C-alpha cells in the first residue's frame, strides 16, 4: 500500500470519528440548551404549535370558501381534533427516535448497500459496538453510513481492503468534509437573545394569523 493511500485511509477514518463526535456533541448541546432555557423553549414551541394549528384552521375555512360550502363549527372542531391527534402521534415518534426517514436508493445502490452490509456482519458479531448501527443503516438504506462503518470495521479488524484506490478515498473524504461543514453551520450557539428573537417573530406571526382567522369566525355557523 502506497504512502499516499495510507494517508488517505487515516484521514478518512479520522473524519468519520470527527463527524460522529460532532453529531453526538450537537445532541448533547441541544439537551443542555433546553435545560438552560426551558421556559423560553416552552413558549417558543408552544407558539410554533399554535401557529401550525391556526394555519390548518385557516386552510380548512379557505377550502370551504373556495367550494362555496358553509363553515360549521362542529365539523371544523372535528377536523382539528383529527389534525391534533395526527400531530401528537408524529411528535411522539420523534421523541422516541422511531421516525427515521428511509432513503431512496437506485437499484445499483441497493445492491451495493446489501453487499457492504453482508461483508460487515460476516466480520463482526451482535455484541460488537458497530452491529446495531450497521443494522439500522441497512434498514433505512443509508449507503454512506454503511460505507463508513465498513471502514471502521476494517480498522478494528486491522484488515484494510486491497481494492481501495485513491480516487475512491478522496471522494469519501470530500463527502465527509461537507457533512462536517454542514453540521457546524446548521448548529449555531443558542443564546437567550436568540430564543427571545424567535419568540417575538412567532408572536407577530400568530397575531397576523389570528386576524386572518377572525374573518372566518364571523361566518362560522353553529350546528
C-alpha atoms as a PDB file:
ATOM      1  CA  UNK A   1       0.000   0.000   0.000  1.00  0.00           C
ATOM      2  CA  UNK A   2       1.445   3.391  -1.000  1.00  0.00           C
ATOM      3  CA  UNK A   3       2.177   6.173   1.487  1.00  0.00           C
ATOM      4  CA  UNK A   4      -0.494   8.367  -0.155  1.00  0.00           C
ATOM      5  CA  UNK A   5      -3.156   5.665   0.120  1.00  0.00           C
ATOM      6  CA  UNK A   6      -2.241   5.056   3.747  1.00  0.00           C
ATOM      7  CA  UNK A   7      -2.542   8.800   4.412  1.00  0.00           C
ATOM      8  CA  UNK A   8      -5.981   8.940   2.761  1.00  0.00           C
ATOM      9  CA  UNK A   9      -7.185   5.941   4.782  1.00  0.00           C
ATOM     10  CA  UNK A  10      -6.082   7.525   8.055  1.00  0.00           C
ATOM     11  CA  UNK A  11      -7.634  10.866   7.105  1.00  0.00           C
ATOM     12  CA  UNK A  12     -10.886   9.152   6.078  1.00  0.00           C
ATOM     13  CA  UNK A  13     -11.097   7.320   9.406  1.00  0.00           C
ATOM     14  CA  UNK A  14     -10.308  10.462  11.419  1.00  0.00           C
ATOM     15  CA  UNK A  15     -13.059  12.383   9.579  1.00  0.00           C
ATOM     16  CA  UNK A  16     -15.617   9.642  10.317  1.00  0.00           C
ATOM     17  CA  UNK A  17     -14.760   9.913  14.013  1.00  0.00           C
ATOM     18  CA  UNK A  18     -14.884  13.724  13.908  1.00  0.00           C
ATOM     19  CA  UNK A  19     -18.274  13.693  12.145  1.00  0.00           C
ATOM     20  CA  UNK A  20     -19.721  11.236  14.661  1.00  0.00           C
ATOM     21  CA  UNK A  21     -18.347  13.198  17.622  1.00  0.00           C
ATOM     22  CA  UNK A  22     -19.838  16.400  16.208  1.00  0.00           C
ATOM     23  CA  UNK A  23     -23.252  14.733  15.842  1.00  0.00           C
ATOM     24  CA  UNK A  24     -23.111  13.471  19.423  1.00  0.00           C
ATOM     25  CA  UNK A  25     -21.923  16.836  20.723  1.00  0.00           C
ATOM     26  CA  UNK A  26     -24.729  18.585  18.851  1.00  0.00           C
ATOM     27  CA  UNK A  27     -27.310  16.357  20.530  1.00  0.00           C
ATOM     28  CA  UNK A  28     -25.712  16.958  23.917  1.00  0.00           C
ATOM     29  CA  UNK A  29     -25.694  20.722  23.326  1.00  0.00           C
ATOM     30  CA  UNK A  30     -29.389  20.671  22.429  1.00  0.00           C
ATOM     31  CA  UNK A  31     -30.186  18.945  25.725  1.00  0.00           C
ATOM     32  CA  UNK A  32     -28.060  21.417  27.675  1.00  0.00           C
ATOM     33  CA  UNK A  33     -29.591  24.454  25.945  1.00  0.00           C
ATOM     34  CA  UNK A  34     -33.078  23.132  26.643  1.00  0.00           C
ATOM     35  CA  UNK A  35     -32.320  22.725  30.344  1.00  0.00           C
ATOM     36  CA  UNK A  36     -30.757  26.189  30.472  1.00  0.00           C
ATOM     37  CA  UNK A  37     -33.641  27.977  28.708  1.00  0.00           C
ATOM     38  CA  UNK A  38     -36.512  25.599  29.466  1.00  0.00           C
ATOM     39  CA  UNK A  39     -39.221  28.270  29.884  1.00  0.00           C
ATOM     40  CA  UNK A  40     -38.206  30.120  26.718  1.00  0.00           C
ATOM     41  CA  UNK A  41     -38.218  26.863  24.753  1.00  0.00           C
ATOM     42  CA  UNK A  42     -41.697  26.037  26.072  1.00  0.00           C
ATOM     43  CA  UNK A  43     -43.038  29.396  24.907  1.00  0.00           C
ATOM     44  CA  UNK A  44     -41.225  29.124  21.575  1.00  0.00           C
ATOM     45  CA  UNK A  45     -42.522  25.630  20.777  1.00  0.00           C
ATOM     46  CA  UNK A  46     -45.946  26.487  22.175  1.00  0.00           C
ATOM     47  CA  UNK A  47     -46.265  29.425  19.782  1.00  0.00           C
ATOM     48  CA  UNK A  48     -44.959  27.307  16.926  1.00  0.00           C
ATOM     49  CA  UNK A  49     -47.621  24.648  17.519  1.00  0.00           C
ATOM     50  CA  UNK A  50     -50.382  27.257  17.863  1.00  0.00           C
ATOM     51  CA  UNK A  51     -49.356  28.735  14.508  1.00  0.00           C
ATOM     52  CA  UNK A  52     -49.362  25.301  12.873  1.00  0.00           C
ATOM     53  CA  UNK A  53     -52.921  24.630  14.067  1.00  0.00           C
ATOM     54  CA  UNK A  54     -54.110  28.118  13.157  1.00  0.00           C
ATOM     55  CA  UNK A  55     -52.802  27.629   9.619  1.00  0.00           C
ATOM     56  CA  UNK A  56     -54.712  24.323   9.438  1.00  0.00           C
ATOM     57  CA  UNK A  57     -57.908  26.090  10.567  1.00  0.00           C
ATOM     58  CA  UNK A  58     -57.460  28.834   8.006  1.00  0.00           C
ATOM     59  CA  UNK A  59     -56.728  26.302   5.233  1.00  0.00           C
ATOM     60  CA  UNK A  60     -59.910  24.356   6.114  1.00  0.00           C
ATOM     61  CA  UNK A  61     -62.002  27.530   6.056  1.00  0.00           C
ATOM     62  CA  UNK A  62     -60.408  28.660   2.803  1.00  0.00           C
ATOM     63  CA  UNK A  63     -61.288  25.328   1.155  1.00  0.00           C
ATOM     64  CA  UNK A  64     -64.884  25.713   2.278  1.00  0.00           C
ATOM     65  CA  UNK A  65     -64.981  29.241   0.900  1.00  0.00           C
ATOM     66  CA  UNK A  66     -63.466  28.156  -2.436  1.00  0.00           C
ATOM     67  CA  UNK A  67     -66.160  25.479  -2.831  1.00  0.00           C
ATOM     68  CA  UNK A  68     -68.971  27.759  -1.547  1.00  0.00           C
ATOM     69  CA  UNK A  69     -69.555  25.469   1.466  1.00  0.00           C
ATOM     70  CA  UNK A  70     -70.793  26.824   4.781  1.00  0.00           C
ATOM     71  CA  UNK A  71     -68.323  26.528   7.682  1.00  0.00           C
ATOM     72  CA  UNK A  72     -69.872  24.631  10.585  1.00  0.00           C
ATOM     73  CA  UNK A  73     -68.179  24.946  13.967  1.00  0.00           C
ATOM     74  CA  UNK A  74     -68.696  21.306  14.971  1.00  0.00           C
ATOM     75  CA  UNK A  75     -67.270  19.985  11.683  1.00  0.00           C
ATOM     76  CA  UNK A  76     -64.300  22.348  11.930  1.00  0.00           C
ATOM     77  CA  UNK A  77     -63.546  21.257  15.510  1.00  0.00           C
ATOM     78  CA  UNK A  78     -63.858  17.585  14.495  1.00  0.00           C
ATOM     79  CA  UNK A  79     -61.339  18.187  11.720  1.00  0.00           C
ATOM     80  CA  UNK A  80     -58.969  19.976  14.124  1.00  0.00           C
ATOM     81  CA  UNK A  81     -59.209  17.159  16.669  1.00  0.00           C
ATOM     82  CA  UNK A  82     -58.047  14.737  13.961  1.00  0.00           C
ATOM     83  CA  UNK A  83     -55.227  17.103  12.925  1.00  0.00           C
ATOM     84  CA  UNK A  84     -54.046  17.431  16.541  1.00  0.00           C
ATOM     85  CA  UNK A  85     -54.171  13.678  17.085  1.00  0.00           C
ATOM     86  CA  UNK A  86     -52.011  13.067  13.982  1.00  0.00           C
ATOM     87  CA  UNK A  87     -49.597  15.784  15.028  1.00  0.00           C
ATOM     88  CA  UNK A  88     -49.200  14.433  18.572  1.00  0.00           C
ATOM     89  CA  UNK A  89     -48.627  10.929  17.184  1.00  0.00           C
ATOM     90  CA  UNK A  90     -45.856  12.211  14.912  1.00  0.00           C
ATOM     91  CA  UNK A  91     -44.348  14.178  17.805  1.00  0.00           C
ATOM     92  CA  UNK A  92     -44.286  11.081  19.995  1.00  0.00           C
ATOM     93  CA  UNK A  93     -42.492   9.137  17.251  1.00  0.00           C
ATOM     94  CA  UNK A  94     -39.878  11.872  17.016  1.00  0.00           C
ATOM     95  CA  UNK A  95     -39.408  11.913  20.786  1.00  0.00           C
ATOM     96  CA  UNK A  96     -38.719   8.205  20.871  1.00  0.00           C
ATOM     97  CA  UNK A  97     -36.401   8.414  17.819  1.00  0.00           C
ATOM     98  CA  UNK A  98     -38.594   5.969  15.901  1.00  0.00           C
ATOM     99  CA  UNK A  99     -39.162   8.237  12.946  1.00  0.00           C
ATOM    100  CA  UNK A 100     -36.113   7.910  10.686  1.00  0.00           C
ATOM    101  CA  UNK A 101     -36.510   8.746   7.048  1.00  0.00           C
ATOM    102  CA  UNK A 102     -35.822   5.776   4.799  1.00  0.00           C
ATOM    103  CA  UNK A 103     -33.598   6.967   1.986  1.00  0.00           C
ATOM    104  CA  UNK A 104     -34.409   6.267  -1.636  1.00  0.00           C
ATOM    105  CA  UNK A 105     -31.659   4.346  -3.421  1.00  0.00           C
ATOM    106  CA  UNK A 106     -31.287   3.278  -7.024  1.00  0.00           C
ATOM    107  CA  UNK A 107     -31.260  -0.456  -7.785  1.00  0.00           C
ATOM    108  CA  UNK A 108     -27.486  -0.311  -8.174  1.00  0.00           C
ATOM    109  CA  UNK A 109     -27.014   1.472  -4.839  1.00  0.00           C
ATOM    110  CA  UNK A 110     -29.370  -1.006  -3.161  1.00  0.00           C
ATOM    111  CA  UNK A 111     -27.186  -3.873  -4.403  1.00  0.00           C
ATOM    112  CA  UNK A 112     -24.083  -2.099  -3.142  1.00  0.00           C
ATOM    113  CA  UNK A 113     -25.670  -1.474   0.281  1.00  0.00           C
ATOM    114  CA  UNK A 114     -26.627  -5.154   0.544  1.00  0.00           C
ATOM    115  CA  UNK A 115     -23.108  -6.315  -0.364  1.00  0.00           C
ATOM    116  CA  UNK A 116     -21.490  -3.969   2.151  1.00  0.00           C
ATOM    117  CA  UNK A 117     -23.925  -4.974   4.886  1.00  0.00           C
ATOM    118  CA  UNK A 118     -23.240  -8.673   4.267  1.00  0.00           C
ATOM    119  CA  UNK A 119     -19.489  -8.061   4.440  1.00  0.00           C
ATOM    120  CA  UNK A 120     -19.866  -6.146   7.710  1.00  0.00           C
ATOM    121  CA  UNK A 121     -21.995  -8.708   9.562  1.00  0.00           C
ATOM    122  CA  UNK A 122     -19.723 -11.549   8.437  1.00  0.00           C
ATOM    123  CA  UNK A 123     -16.837  -9.864  10.230  1.00  0.00           C
ATOM    124  CA  UNK A 124     -18.483  -8.725  13.487  1.00  0.00           C
ATOM    125  CA  UNK A 125     -20.928 -10.292  15.955  1.00  0.00           C
ATOM    126  CA  UNK A 126     -24.073  -8.793  17.573  1.00  0.00           C
ATOM    127  CA  UNK A 127     -22.029  -7.767  20.635  1.00  0.00           C
ATOM    128  CA  UNK A 128     -19.792  -5.503  18.547  1.00  0.00           C
ATOM    129  CA  UNK A 129     -20.248  -1.756  19.088  1.00  0.00           C
ATOM    130  CA  UNK A 130     -20.961  -1.231  15.361  1.00  0.00           C
ATOM    131  CA  UNK A 131     -23.520  -4.040  14.958  1.00  0.00           C
ATOM    132  CA  UNK A 132     -26.716  -2.092  15.776  1.00  0.00           C
ATOM    133  CA  UNK A 133     -25.547   0.901  13.771  1.00  0.00           C
ATOM    134  CA  UNK A 134     -24.911  -1.327  10.748  1.00  0.00           C
ATOM    135  CA  UNK A 135     -28.345  -2.972  11.040  1.00  0.00           C
ATOM    136  CA  UNK A 136     -30.096   0.404  11.376  1.00  0.00           C
ATOM    137  CA  UNK A 137     -28.162   1.909   8.459  1.00  0.00           C
ATOM    138  CA  UNK A 138     -29.112  -1.030   6.238  1.00  0.00           C
ATOM    139  CA  UNK A 139     -32.749  -0.904   7.371  1.00  0.00           C
ATOM    140  CA  UNK A 140     -33.009   2.769   6.393  1.00  0.00           C
ATOM    141  CA  UNK A 141     -30.936   2.499   3.177  1.00  0.00           C
ATOM    142  CA  UNK A 142     -28.142   4.720   4.493  1.00  0.00           C
ATOM    143  CA  UNK A 143     -25.474   3.722   1.996  1.00  0.00           C
ATOM    144  CA  UNK A 144     -22.917   6.332   3.045  1.00  0.00           C
ATOM    145  CA  UNK A 145     -23.135   5.263   6.676  1.00  0.00           C
ATOM    146  CA  UNK A 146     -22.613   1.625   5.667  1.00  0.00           C
ATOM    147  CA  UNK A 147     -19.524   2.664   3.679  1.00  0.00           C
ATOM    148  CA  UNK A 148     -18.173   4.481   6.757  1.00  0.00           C
ATOM    149  CA  UNK A 149     -18.987   1.590   9.098  1.00  0.00           C
ATOM    150  CA  UNK A 150     -17.107  -0.826   6.859  1.00  0.00           C
ATOM    151  CA  UNK A 151     -14.050   1.413   7.048  1.00  0.00           C
ATOM    152  CA  UNK A 152     -14.273   1.425  10.859  1.00  0.00           C
ATOM    153  CA  UNK A 153     -14.617  -2.373  10.837  1.00  0.00           C
ATOM    154  CA  UNK A 154     -11.549  -2.591   8.582  1.00  0.00           C
ATOM    155  CA  UNK A 155      -9.590  -0.652  11.175  1.00  0.00           C
ATOM    156  CA  UNK A 156     -10.982  -2.629  14.070  1.00  0.00           C
ATOM    157  CA  UNK A 157     -10.040  -5.902  12.382  1.00  0.00           C
ATOM    158  CA  UNK A 158      -6.753  -4.465  11.083  1.00  0.00           C
ATOM    159  CA  UNK A 159      -7.520  -5.661   7.564  1.00  0.00           C
ATOM    160  CA  UNK A 160      -7.924  -2.801   5.110  1.00  0.00           C
ATOM    161  CA  UNK A 161      -9.403  -3.901   1.785  1.00  0.00           C
ATOM    162  CA  UNK A 162      -6.884  -4.091  -1.041  1.00  0.00           C
ATOM    163  CA  UNK A 163      -9.241  -2.644  -3.671  1.00  0.00           C
ATOM    164  CA  UNK A 164      -9.380   0.840  -2.128  1.00  0.00           C
ATOM    165  CA  UNK A 165      -7.950   3.358  -4.577  1.00  0.00           C
ATOM    166  CA  UNK A 166      -7.047   6.989  -4.000  1.00  0.00           C
ATOM    167  CA  UNK A 167      -9.873   8.317  -6.202  1.00  0.00           C
ATOM    168  CA  UNK A 168     -12.480   6.442  -4.144  1.00  0.00           C
ATOM    169  CA  UNK A 169     -10.896   7.523  -0.852  1.00  0.00           C
ATOM    170  CA  UNK A 170     -10.694  11.168  -1.984  1.00  0.00           C
ATOM    171  CA  UNK A 171     -14.416  11.131  -2.851  1.00  0.00           C
ATOM    172  CA  UNK A 172     -15.324   9.763   0.597  1.00  0.00           C
ATOM    173  CA  UNK A 173     -13.078  12.326   2.289  1.00  0.00           C
ATOM    174  CA  UNK A 174     -14.726  15.210   0.405  1.00  0.00           C
ATOM    175  CA  UNK A 175     -18.183  13.867   1.310  1.00  0.00           C
ATOM    176  CA  UNK A 176     -17.282  13.758   4.995  1.00  0.00           C
ATOM    177  CA  UNK A 177     -15.785  17.254   4.911  1.00  0.00           C
ATOM    178  CA  UNK A 178     -19.062  18.567   3.501  1.00  0.00           C
ATOM    179  CA  UNK A 179     -21.067  16.679   6.147  1.00  0.00           C
ATOM    180  CA  UNK A 180     -18.886  18.145   8.907  1.00  0.00           C
ATOM    181  CA  UNK A 181     -19.222  21.655   7.461  1.00  0.00           C
ATOM    182  CA  UNK A 182     -22.998  21.237   7.254  1.00  0.00           C
ATOM    183  CA  UNK A 183     -23.252  20.098  10.894  1.00  0.00           C
ATOM    184  CA  UNK A 184     -21.108  23.016  12.060  1.00  0.00           C
ATOM    185  CA  UNK A 185     -23.098  25.588  10.051  1.00  0.00           C
ATOM    186  CA  UNK A 186     -26.595  24.463  10.993  1.00  0.00           C
ATOM    187  CA  UNK A 187     -25.982  24.339  14.739  1.00  0.00           C
ATOM    188  CA  UNK A 188     -25.341  27.876  15.981  1.00  0.00           C
ATOM    189  CA  UNK A 189     -24.799  28.531  19.671  1.00  0.00           C
ATOM    190  CA  UNK A 190     -28.210  29.071  21.269  1.00  0.00           C
ATOM    191  CA  UNK A 191     -28.499  32.180  23.438  1.00  0.00           C
ATOM    192  CA  UNK A 192     -31.299  33.786  25.433  1.00  0.00           C
ATOM    193  CA  UNK A 193     -31.368  36.646  22.911  1.00  0.00           C
ATOM    194  CA  UNK A 194     -31.675  34.189  20.000  1.00  0.00           C
ATOM    195  CA  UNK A 195     -34.708  32.487  21.547  1.00  0.00           C
ATOM    196  CA  UNK A 196     -36.342  35.791  22.548  1.00  0.00           C
ATOM    197  CA  UNK A 197     -35.999  36.997  18.939  1.00  0.00           C
ATOM    198  CA  UNK A 198     -37.597  33.764  17.653  1.00  0.00           C
ATOM    199  CA  UNK A 199     -40.450  34.182  20.158  1.00  0.00           C
ATOM    200  CA  UNK A 200     -41.101  37.757  19.003  1.00  0.00           C
ATOM    201  CA  UNK A 201     -41.226  36.591  15.370  1.00  0.00           C
ATOM    202  CA  UNK A 202     -43.772  33.883  16.224  1.00  0.00           C
ATOM    203  CA  UNK A 203     -45.865  36.251  18.355  1.00  0.00           C
ATOM    204  CA  UNK A 204     -46.163  38.594  15.368  1.00  0.00           C
ATOM    205  CA  UNK A 205     -46.889  35.669  13.050  1.00  0.00           C
ATOM    206  CA  UNK A 206     -49.603  34.370  15.410  1.00  0.00           C
ATOM    207  CA  UNK A 207     -51.131  37.877  15.673  1.00  0.00           C
ATOM    208  CA  UNK A 208     -51.469  38.045  11.887  1.00  0.00           C
ATOM    209  CA  UNK A 209     -52.911  34.520  11.709  1.00  0.00           C
ATOM    210  CA  UNK A 210     -55.433  35.381  14.438  1.00  0.00           C
ATOM    211  CA  UNK A 211     -56.562  38.414  12.434  1.00  0.00           C
ATOM    212  CA  UNK A 212     -56.937  36.278   9.321  1.00  0.00           C
ATOM    213  CA  UNK A 213     -58.868  33.559  11.124  1.00  0.00           C
ATOM    214  CA  UNK A 214     -61.202  36.067  12.855  1.00  0.00           C
ATOM    215  CA  UNK A 215     -62.682  36.856   9.428  1.00  0.00           C
ATOM    216  CA  UNK A 216     -63.781  33.211   9.093  1.00  0.00           C
ATOM    217  CA  UNK A 217     -65.026  33.030  12.688  1.00  0.00           C
ATOM    218  CA  UNK A 218     -67.604  35.716  11.853  1.00  0.00           C
ATOM    219  CA  UNK A 219     -69.187  33.496   9.213  1.00  0.00           C
ATOM    220  CA  UNK A 220     -68.918  30.175  11.086  1.00  0.00           C
ATOM    221  CA  UNK A 221     -72.281  28.512  11.712  1.00  0.00           C
ATOM    222  CA  UNK A 222     -73.285  26.647  14.842  1.00  0.00           C
ATOM    223  CA  UNK A 223     -74.604  23.139  14.071  1.00  0.00           C
END
